[in-house]
C-alpha atoms as a PDB file:
ATOM      1  CA  MET A   1     -40.680  83.977 100.065  1.00  0.00           C
ATOM      2  CA  LYS A   2     -37.419  85.305  98.547  1.00  0.00           C
ATOM      3  CA  MET A   3     -35.758  85.286  95.075  1.00  0.00           C
ATOM      4  CA  ILE A   4     -32.368  86.260  94.026  1.00  0.00           C
ATOM      5  CA  TRP A   5     -31.647  88.646  91.112  1.00  0.00           C
ATOM      6  CA  ASN A   6     -28.380  87.903  89.306  1.00  0.00           C
ATOM      7  CA  LEU A   7     -27.360  90.888  87.147  1.00  0.00           C
ATOM      8  CA  ILE A   8     -24.550  90.123  84.761  1.00  0.00           C
ATOM      9  CA  ARG A   9     -22.646  92.098  82.016  1.00  0.00           C
ATOM     10  CA  HIS A  10     -22.116  90.446  78.646  1.00  0.00           C
ATOM     11  CA  GLY A  11     -18.822  88.889  77.552  1.00  0.00           C
ATOM     12  CA  GLN A  12     -16.161  90.760  75.614  1.00  0.00           C
ATOM     13  CA  THR A  13     -16.451  92.105  72.148  1.00  0.00           C
ATOM     14  CA  ASP A  14     -13.962  93.388  69.712  1.00  0.00           C
ATOM     15  CA  TRP A  15     -15.041  97.000  70.583  1.00  0.00           C
ATOM     16  CA  ASN A  16     -14.615  96.325  74.222  1.00  0.00           C
ATOM     17  CA  LEU A  17     -11.023  95.376  73.469  1.00  0.00           C
ATOM     18  CA  GLN A  18     -10.553  98.479  71.293  1.00  0.00           C
ATOM     19  CA  ARG A  19     -12.243 100.626  74.047  1.00  0.00           C
ATOM     20  CA  ARG A  20     -14.935 101.997  71.845  1.00  0.00           C
ATOM     21  CA  PHE A  21     -18.340 103.177  72.693  1.00  0.00           C
ATOM     22  CA  GLN A  22     -20.804 100.411  71.585  1.00  0.00           C
ATOM     23  CA  GLY A  23     -23.986 101.766  72.871  1.00  0.00           C
ATOM     24  CA  GLN A  24     -26.894 100.067  70.857  1.00  0.00           C
ATOM     25  CA  THR A  25     -24.732  99.079  67.958  1.00  0.00           C
ATOM     26  CA  ASP A  26     -25.137  95.385  67.713  1.00  0.00           C
ATOM     27  CA  ILE A  27     -21.527  94.021  68.141  1.00  0.00           C
ATOM     28  CA  PRO A  28     -21.235  90.263  68.757  1.00  0.00           C
ATOM     29  CA  LEU A  29     -19.000  88.534  71.256  1.00  0.00           C
ATOM     30  CA  ASN A  30     -15.496  87.628  70.223  1.00  0.00           C
ATOM     31  CA  ASP A  31     -13.908  84.304  71.188  1.00  0.00           C
ATOM     32  CA  THR A  32     -12.621  85.689  74.557  1.00  0.00           C
ATOM     33  CA  GLY A  33     -16.145  86.806  75.389  1.00  0.00           C
ATOM     34  CA  ARG A  34     -17.612  83.373  74.700  1.00  0.00           C
ATOM     35  CA  ASN A  35     -14.917  81.857  76.787  1.00  0.00           C
ATOM     36  CA  GLN A  36     -15.746  84.375  79.558  1.00  0.00           C
ATOM     37  CA  ALA A  37     -19.498  83.297  79.388  1.00  0.00           C
ATOM     38  CA  LEU A  38     -18.404  79.697  79.511  1.00  0.00           C
ATOM     39  CA  GLU A  39     -16.255  80.217  82.504  1.00  0.00           C
ATOM     40  CA  ALA A  40     -19.151  82.201  84.161  1.00  0.00           C
ATOM     41  CA  ALA A  41     -21.582  79.300  83.518  1.00  0.00           C
ATOM     42  CA  ALA A  42     -19.033  76.810  85.087  1.00  0.00           C
ATOM     43  CA  LYS A  43     -18.606  79.052  88.230  1.00  0.00           C
ATOM     44  CA  CYS A  44     -22.485  79.435  88.375  1.00  0.00           C
ATOM     45  CA  LYS A  45     -22.738  75.578  88.341  1.00  0.00           C
ATOM     46  CA  LYS A  46     -20.003  75.328  90.946  1.00  0.00           C
ATOM     47  CA  GLU A  47     -21.996  77.692  93.257  1.00  0.00           C
ATOM     48  CA  GLY A  48     -25.147  75.719  92.671  1.00  0.00           C
ATOM     49  CA  LEU A  49     -26.914  78.467  90.793  1.00  0.00           C
ATOM     50  CA  HIS A  50     -29.771  77.257  88.691  1.00  0.00           C
ATOM     51  CA  PHE A  51     -31.567  80.006  86.731  1.00  0.00           C
ATOM     52  CA  CYS A  52     -35.259  79.630  86.391  1.00  0.00           C
ATOM     53  CA  ARG A  53     -35.884  82.680  84.066  1.00  0.00           C
ATOM     54  CA  VAL A  54     -33.798  85.082  81.991  1.00  0.00           C
ATOM     55  CA  TYR A  55     -34.415  88.714  81.245  1.00  0.00           C
ATOM     56  CA  SER A  56     -32.040  89.987  78.586  1.00  0.00           C
ATOM     57  CA  SER A  57     -31.262  93.016  76.387  1.00  0.00           C
ATOM     58  CA  PRO A  58     -32.206  92.337  72.671  1.00  0.00           C
ATOM     59  CA  LEU A  59     -28.585  92.953  71.477  1.00  0.00           C
ATOM     60  CA  GLU A  60     -26.761  89.748  70.204  1.00  0.00           C
ATOM     61  CA  ARG A  61     -23.751  90.089  72.646  1.00  0.00           C
ATOM     62  CA  ALA A  62     -26.223  90.055  75.656  1.00  0.00           C
ATOM     63  CA  VAL A  63     -28.501  87.278  74.310  1.00  0.00           C
ATOM     64  CA  GLU A  64     -25.555  84.851  73.496  1.00  0.00           C
ATOM     65  CA  THR A  65     -23.958  85.479  76.868  1.00  0.00           C
ATOM     66  CA  ALA A  66     -27.327  84.714  78.659  1.00  0.00           C
ATOM     67  CA  GLU A  67     -27.721  81.546  76.732  1.00  0.00           C
ATOM     68  CA  ILE A  68     -24.359  80.323  77.657  1.00  0.00           C
ATOM     69  CA  VAL A  69     -24.546  81.368  81.203  1.00  0.00           C
ATOM     70  CA  SER A  70     -28.077  80.102  81.924  1.00  0.00           C
ATOM     71  CA  GLY A  71     -28.237  77.153  79.678  1.00  0.00           C
ATOM     72  CA  ILE A  72     -31.621  78.476  78.545  1.00  0.00           C
ATOM     73  CA  LYS A  73     -32.101  79.265  74.773  1.00  0.00           C
ATOM     74  CA  ARG A  74     -33.670  82.347  73.371  1.00  0.00           C
ATOM     75  CA  GLU A  75     -36.578  80.324  72.024  1.00  0.00           C
ATOM     76  CA  ASP A  76     -37.405  79.018  75.454  1.00  0.00           C
ATOM     77  CA  PRO A  77     -40.577  80.524  77.072  1.00  0.00           C
ATOM     78  CA  ARG A  78     -38.459  81.216  80.164  1.00  0.00           C
ATOM     79  CA  PHE A  79     -36.226  83.614  78.161  1.00  0.00           C
ATOM     80  CA  PHE A  80     -37.509  87.104  77.936  1.00  0.00           C
ATOM     81  CA  ILE A  81     -36.151  89.863  75.818  1.00  0.00           C
ATOM     82  CA  ASP A  82     -36.706  93.223  77.319  1.00  0.00           C
ATOM     83  CA  GLN A  83     -35.941  96.559  75.487  1.00  0.00           C
ATOM     84  CA  ARG A  84     -35.354  98.295  78.864  1.00  0.00           C
ATOM     85  CA  LEU A  85     -32.142  96.259  79.243  1.00  0.00           C
ATOM     86  CA  ILE A  86     -30.538  97.504  76.123  1.00  0.00           C
ATOM     87  CA  GLU A  87     -27.368  99.407  76.393  1.00  0.00           C
ATOM     88  CA  MET A  88     -27.413 103.246  76.936  1.00  0.00           C
ATOM     89  CA  ASP A  89     -27.696 105.023  73.553  1.00  0.00           C
ATOM     90  CA  PHE A  90     -24.509 106.954  73.084  1.00  0.00           C
ATOM     91  CA  GLY A  91     -25.755 108.365  69.767  1.00  0.00           C
ATOM     92  CA  PRO A  92     -23.079 110.127  67.855  1.00  0.00           C
ATOM     93  CA  LEU A  93     -20.338 108.641  70.166  1.00  0.00           C
ATOM     94  CA  ASP A  94     -21.022 105.133  69.040  1.00  0.00           C
ATOM     95  CA  GLY A  95     -17.944 103.672  67.562  1.00  0.00           C
ATOM     96  CA  THR A  96     -15.595 106.366  68.855  1.00  0.00           C
ATOM     97  CA  ALA A  97     -12.773 105.561  71.216  1.00  0.00           C
ATOM     98  CA  PHE A  98     -13.348 106.658  74.979  1.00  0.00           C
ATOM     99  CA  ASP A  99      -9.744 107.637  75.609  1.00  0.00           C
ATOM    100  CA  HIS A 100     -10.918 110.521  78.013  1.00  0.00           C
ATOM    101  CA  GLU A 101      -7.434 111.366  78.931  1.00  0.00           C
ATOM    102  CA  HIS A 102      -7.060 113.085  75.528  1.00  0.00           C
ATOM    103  CA  ASN A 103     -10.638 114.299  75.078  1.00  0.00           C
ATOM    104  CA  GLU A 104     -11.916 116.814  77.814  1.00  0.00           C
ATOM    105  CA  LYS A 105     -15.527 116.591  76.723  1.00  0.00           C
ATOM    106  CA  ILE A 106     -15.579 112.697  76.857  1.00  0.00           C
ATOM    107  CA  GLY A 107     -13.633 112.921  80.109  1.00  0.00           C
ATOM    108  CA  CYS A 108     -16.459 114.918  81.751  1.00  0.00           C
ATOM    109  CA  LEU A 109     -18.803 112.052  80.962  1.00  0.00           C
ATOM    110  CA  PHE A 110     -16.742 109.740  83.152  1.00  0.00           C
ATOM    111  CA  THR A 111     -15.494 112.035  85.890  1.00  0.00           C
ATOM    112  CA  HIS A 112     -18.388 114.633  86.356  1.00  0.00           C
ATOM    113  CA  PRO A 113     -21.530 112.943  84.859  1.00  0.00           C
ATOM    114  CA  SER A 114     -23.865 115.459  86.317  1.00  0.00           C
ATOM    115  CA  GLN A 115     -22.035 118.254  84.401  1.00  0.00           C
ATOM    116  CA  PHE A 116     -21.889 116.378  81.014  1.00  0.00           C
ATOM    117  CA  GLN A 117     -23.488 118.244  78.122  1.00  0.00           C
ATOM    118  CA  PHE A 118     -25.287 115.421  76.197  1.00  0.00           C
ATOM    119  CA  PRO A 119     -24.909 115.737  72.409  1.00  0.00           C
ATOM    120  CA  GLU A 120     -28.200 115.435  70.308  1.00  0.00           C
ATOM    121  CA  GLY A 121     -29.235 111.847  69.917  1.00  0.00           C
ATOM    122  CA  MET A 122     -27.502 110.620  72.990  1.00  0.00           C
ATOM    123  CA  GLU A 123     -29.644 109.034  75.754  1.00  0.00           C
ATOM    124  CA  THR A 124     -29.308 111.086  79.109  1.00  0.00           C
ATOM    125  CA  TYR A 125     -28.716 109.664  82.419  1.00  0.00           C
ATOM    126  CA  GLU A 126     -32.152 110.635  83.617  1.00  0.00           C
ATOM    127  CA  GLU A 127     -33.721 108.864  80.595  1.00  0.00           C
ATOM    128  CA  LEU A 128     -31.588 105.676  81.450  1.00  0.00           C
ATOM    129  CA  ARG A 129     -32.595 105.927  85.012  1.00  0.00           C
ATOM    130  CA  THR A 130     -36.259 106.151  84.071  1.00  0.00           C
ATOM    131  CA  ARG A 131     -36.147 103.008  81.972  1.00  0.00           C
ATOM    132  CA  THR A 132     -34.173 101.006  84.383  1.00  0.00           C
ATOM    133  CA  ALA A 133     -36.382 101.985  87.347  1.00  0.00           C
ATOM    134  CA  ASP A 134     -39.397 101.078  85.245  1.00  0.00           C
ATOM    135  CA  PHE A 135     -37.773  97.640  84.583  1.00  0.00           C
ATOM    136  CA  ILE A 136     -37.257  97.194  88.311  1.00  0.00           C
ATOM    137  CA  SER A 137     -40.678  98.131  89.244  1.00  0.00           C
ATOM    138  CA  SER A 138     -42.289  95.787  86.661  1.00  0.00           C
ATOM    139  CA  LEU A 139     -40.057  92.933  87.640  1.00  0.00           C
ATOM    140  CA  LEU A 140     -41.094  93.207  91.330  1.00  0.00           C
ATOM    141  CA  GLU A 141     -44.654  93.190  90.296  1.00  0.00           C
ATOM    142  CA  LYS A 142     -44.267  90.358  87.862  1.00  0.00           C
ATOM    143  CA  GLU A 143     -42.077  88.232  90.086  1.00  0.00           C
ATOM    144  CA  GLY A 144     -43.531  89.157  93.361  1.00  0.00           C
ATOM    145  CA  ALA A 145     -45.351  85.741  93.854  1.00  0.00           C
ATOM    146  CA  SER A 146     -42.258  83.697  93.064  1.00  0.00           C
ATOM    147  CA  GLY A 147     -39.970  82.414  95.827  1.00  0.00           C
ATOM    148  CA  ASP A 148     -36.565  80.788  96.318  1.00  0.00           C
ATOM    149  CA  GLU A 149     -35.577  81.186  92.705  1.00  0.00           C
ATOM    150  CA  ASN A 150     -32.535  82.608  90.898  1.00  0.00           C
ATOM    151  CA  ILE A 151     -33.397  84.821  87.842  1.00  0.00           C
ATOM    152  CA  LEU A 152     -30.674  86.036  85.407  1.00  0.00           C
ATOM    153  CA  ILE A 153     -30.786  89.700  84.321  1.00  0.00           C
ATOM    154  CA  GLN A 154     -28.334  90.140  81.258  1.00  0.00           C
ATOM    155  CA  SER A 155     -27.385  93.558  80.285  1.00  0.00           C
ATOM    156  CA  HIS A 156     -24.514  95.967  79.539  1.00  0.00           C
ATOM    157  CA  GLY A 157     -22.070  98.207  81.337  1.00  0.00           C
ATOM    158  CA  ALA A 158     -23.804 101.400  81.382  1.00  0.00           C
ATOM    159  CA  CYS A 159     -27.339  99.989  81.604  1.00  0.00           C
ATOM    160  CA  LEU A 160     -26.213  97.827  84.445  1.00  0.00           C
ATOM    161  CA  ARG A 161     -24.910 100.999  86.272  1.00  0.00           C
ATOM    162  CA  GLY A 162     -28.277 102.512  85.884  1.00  0.00           C
ATOM    163  CA  LEU A 163     -29.737  99.424  87.440  1.00  0.00           C
ATOM    164  CA  LEU A 164     -27.248  99.214  90.268  1.00  0.00           C
ATOM    165  CA  ALA A 165     -27.552 102.922  90.994  1.00  0.00           C
ATOM    166  CA  ARG A 166     -31.227 102.390  91.403  1.00  0.00           C
ATOM    167  CA  LEU A 167     -30.807  99.402  93.485  1.00  0.00           C
ATOM    168  CA  SER A 168     -28.046 100.938  95.707  1.00  0.00           C
ATOM    169  CA  GLN A 169     -29.489 104.546  95.658  1.00  0.00           C
ATOM    170  CA  LEU A 170     -26.331 105.957  94.180  1.00  0.00           C
ATOM    171  CA  GLU A 171     -26.030 109.611  92.881  1.00  0.00           C
ATOM    172  CA  THR A 172     -25.281 110.466  89.286  1.00  0.00           C
ATOM    173  CA  ASP A 173     -21.689 111.416  89.924  1.00  0.00           C
ATOM    174  CA  ASP A 174     -21.153 107.896  91.210  1.00  0.00           C
ATOM    175  CA  PHE A 175     -22.281 106.283  88.160  1.00  0.00           C
ATOM    176  CA  TRP A 176     -18.874 105.511  86.497  1.00  0.00           C
ATOM    177  CA  ARG A 177     -17.196 104.686  89.907  1.00  0.00           C
ATOM    178  CA  LEU A 178     -18.723 101.250  89.625  1.00  0.00           C
ATOM    179  CA  THR A 179     -16.461  98.954  87.893  1.00  0.00           C
ATOM    180  CA  ILE A 180     -18.223  96.294  85.992  1.00  0.00           C
ATOM    181  CA  ASP A 181     -16.058  93.813  84.156  1.00  0.00           C
ATOM    182  CA  ASN A 182     -17.344  91.501  81.358  1.00  0.00           C
ATOM    183  CA  CYS A 183     -19.258  88.703  82.768  1.00  0.00           C
ATOM    184  CA  GLU A 184     -19.123  90.090  86.226  1.00  0.00           C
ATOM    185  CA  LEU A 185     -22.278  89.177  88.275  1.00  0.00           C
ATOM    186  CA  PHE A 186     -23.979  91.171  91.086  1.00  0.00           C
ATOM    187  CA  ARG A 187     -26.490  89.434  93.306  1.00  0.00           C
ATOM    188  CA  TYR A 188     -29.604  90.904  95.180  1.00  0.00           C
ATOM    189  CA  ARG A 189     -32.034  89.249  97.459  1.00  0.00           C
ATOM    190  CA  VAL A 190     -35.573  90.266  96.995  1.00  0.00           C
ATOM    191  CA  GLU A 191     -37.868  89.437  99.918  1.00  0.00           C
ATOM    192  CA  GLU A 192     -41.207  90.954 100.783  1.00  0.00           C
ATOM    193  CA  GLY A 193     -40.462  94.005  98.600  1.00  0.00           C
ATOM    194  CA  ARG A 194     -37.041  94.619 100.221  1.00  0.00           C
ATOM    195  CA  ILE A 195     -33.885  94.406  98.002  1.00  0.00           C
ATOM    196  CA  THR A 196     -30.536  93.517  99.649  1.00  0.00           C
ATOM    197  CA  LYS A 197     -27.153  93.340  98.005  1.00  0.00           C
ATOM    198  CA  LEU A 198     -25.320  90.024  98.463  1.00  0.00           C
ATOM    199  CA  ASP A 199     -21.673  89.248  97.905  1.00  0.00           C
ATOM    200  CA  ARG A 200     -20.567  88.760  94.390  1.00  0.00           C
ATOM    201  CA  PRO A 201     -19.678  85.125  93.531  1.00  0.00           C
ATOM    202  CA  LEU A 202     -18.430  85.752  90.132  1.00  0.00           C
ATOM    203  CA  GLN A 203     -15.544  88.144  89.111  1.00  0.00           C
ATOM    204  CA  LEU A 204     -13.331  86.853  86.294  1.00  0.00           C
ATOM    205  CA  ASN A 205      -9.799  87.788  85.876  1.00  0.00           C
ATOM    206  CA  ARG A 206      -9.663  91.372  84.761  1.00  0.00           C
ATOM    207  CA  ILE A 207      -9.005  91.986  80.935  1.00  0.00           C
ATOM    208  CA  PRO A 208      -9.507  95.042  78.776  1.00  0.00           C
ATOM    209  CA  ARG A 209     -13.112  96.095  78.745  1.00  0.00           C
END
């Protein structure tokens, strides 16, 4: 028996457009983000993807994207909110611009993550890795008896990097080398405990993130 995990980032928000750290600040989708989610839903339908269940971050930008893409509403018993899928907590950096070309300290976060000195109140990479690994382990246990189904895992840029780093066995310094656009979808086949990356069927036209 096999199942497909479909991991997707939320649609665009105003803070994405302004290139600000969002973290766990609950910024909603903007109109472009909603249109991206609608386009993703249409592409999923064209690919014949039908989602049986949804696991989503609790933040509104993720929940709304998941509802649009999956066609499953948050009130539905097949829609699960999971705190472990929430965005990385950037603490005091939330709301600030991440123009690392003009900020050496922030630049280190993106270029040499293993050397970054985390300010007080910011979630570390190790903490993010721990909770995303815990989510993967619990999902394998929970969904282990399922088969031939697609599930949607709805999250955020940094949190998805944590999940993908775990699934693809990437090192910390490779963390930000993963490019994840709004509403970009990554697919993994899960079969008898083995996780295999599949081709990505969804990659929208690149716009500011």
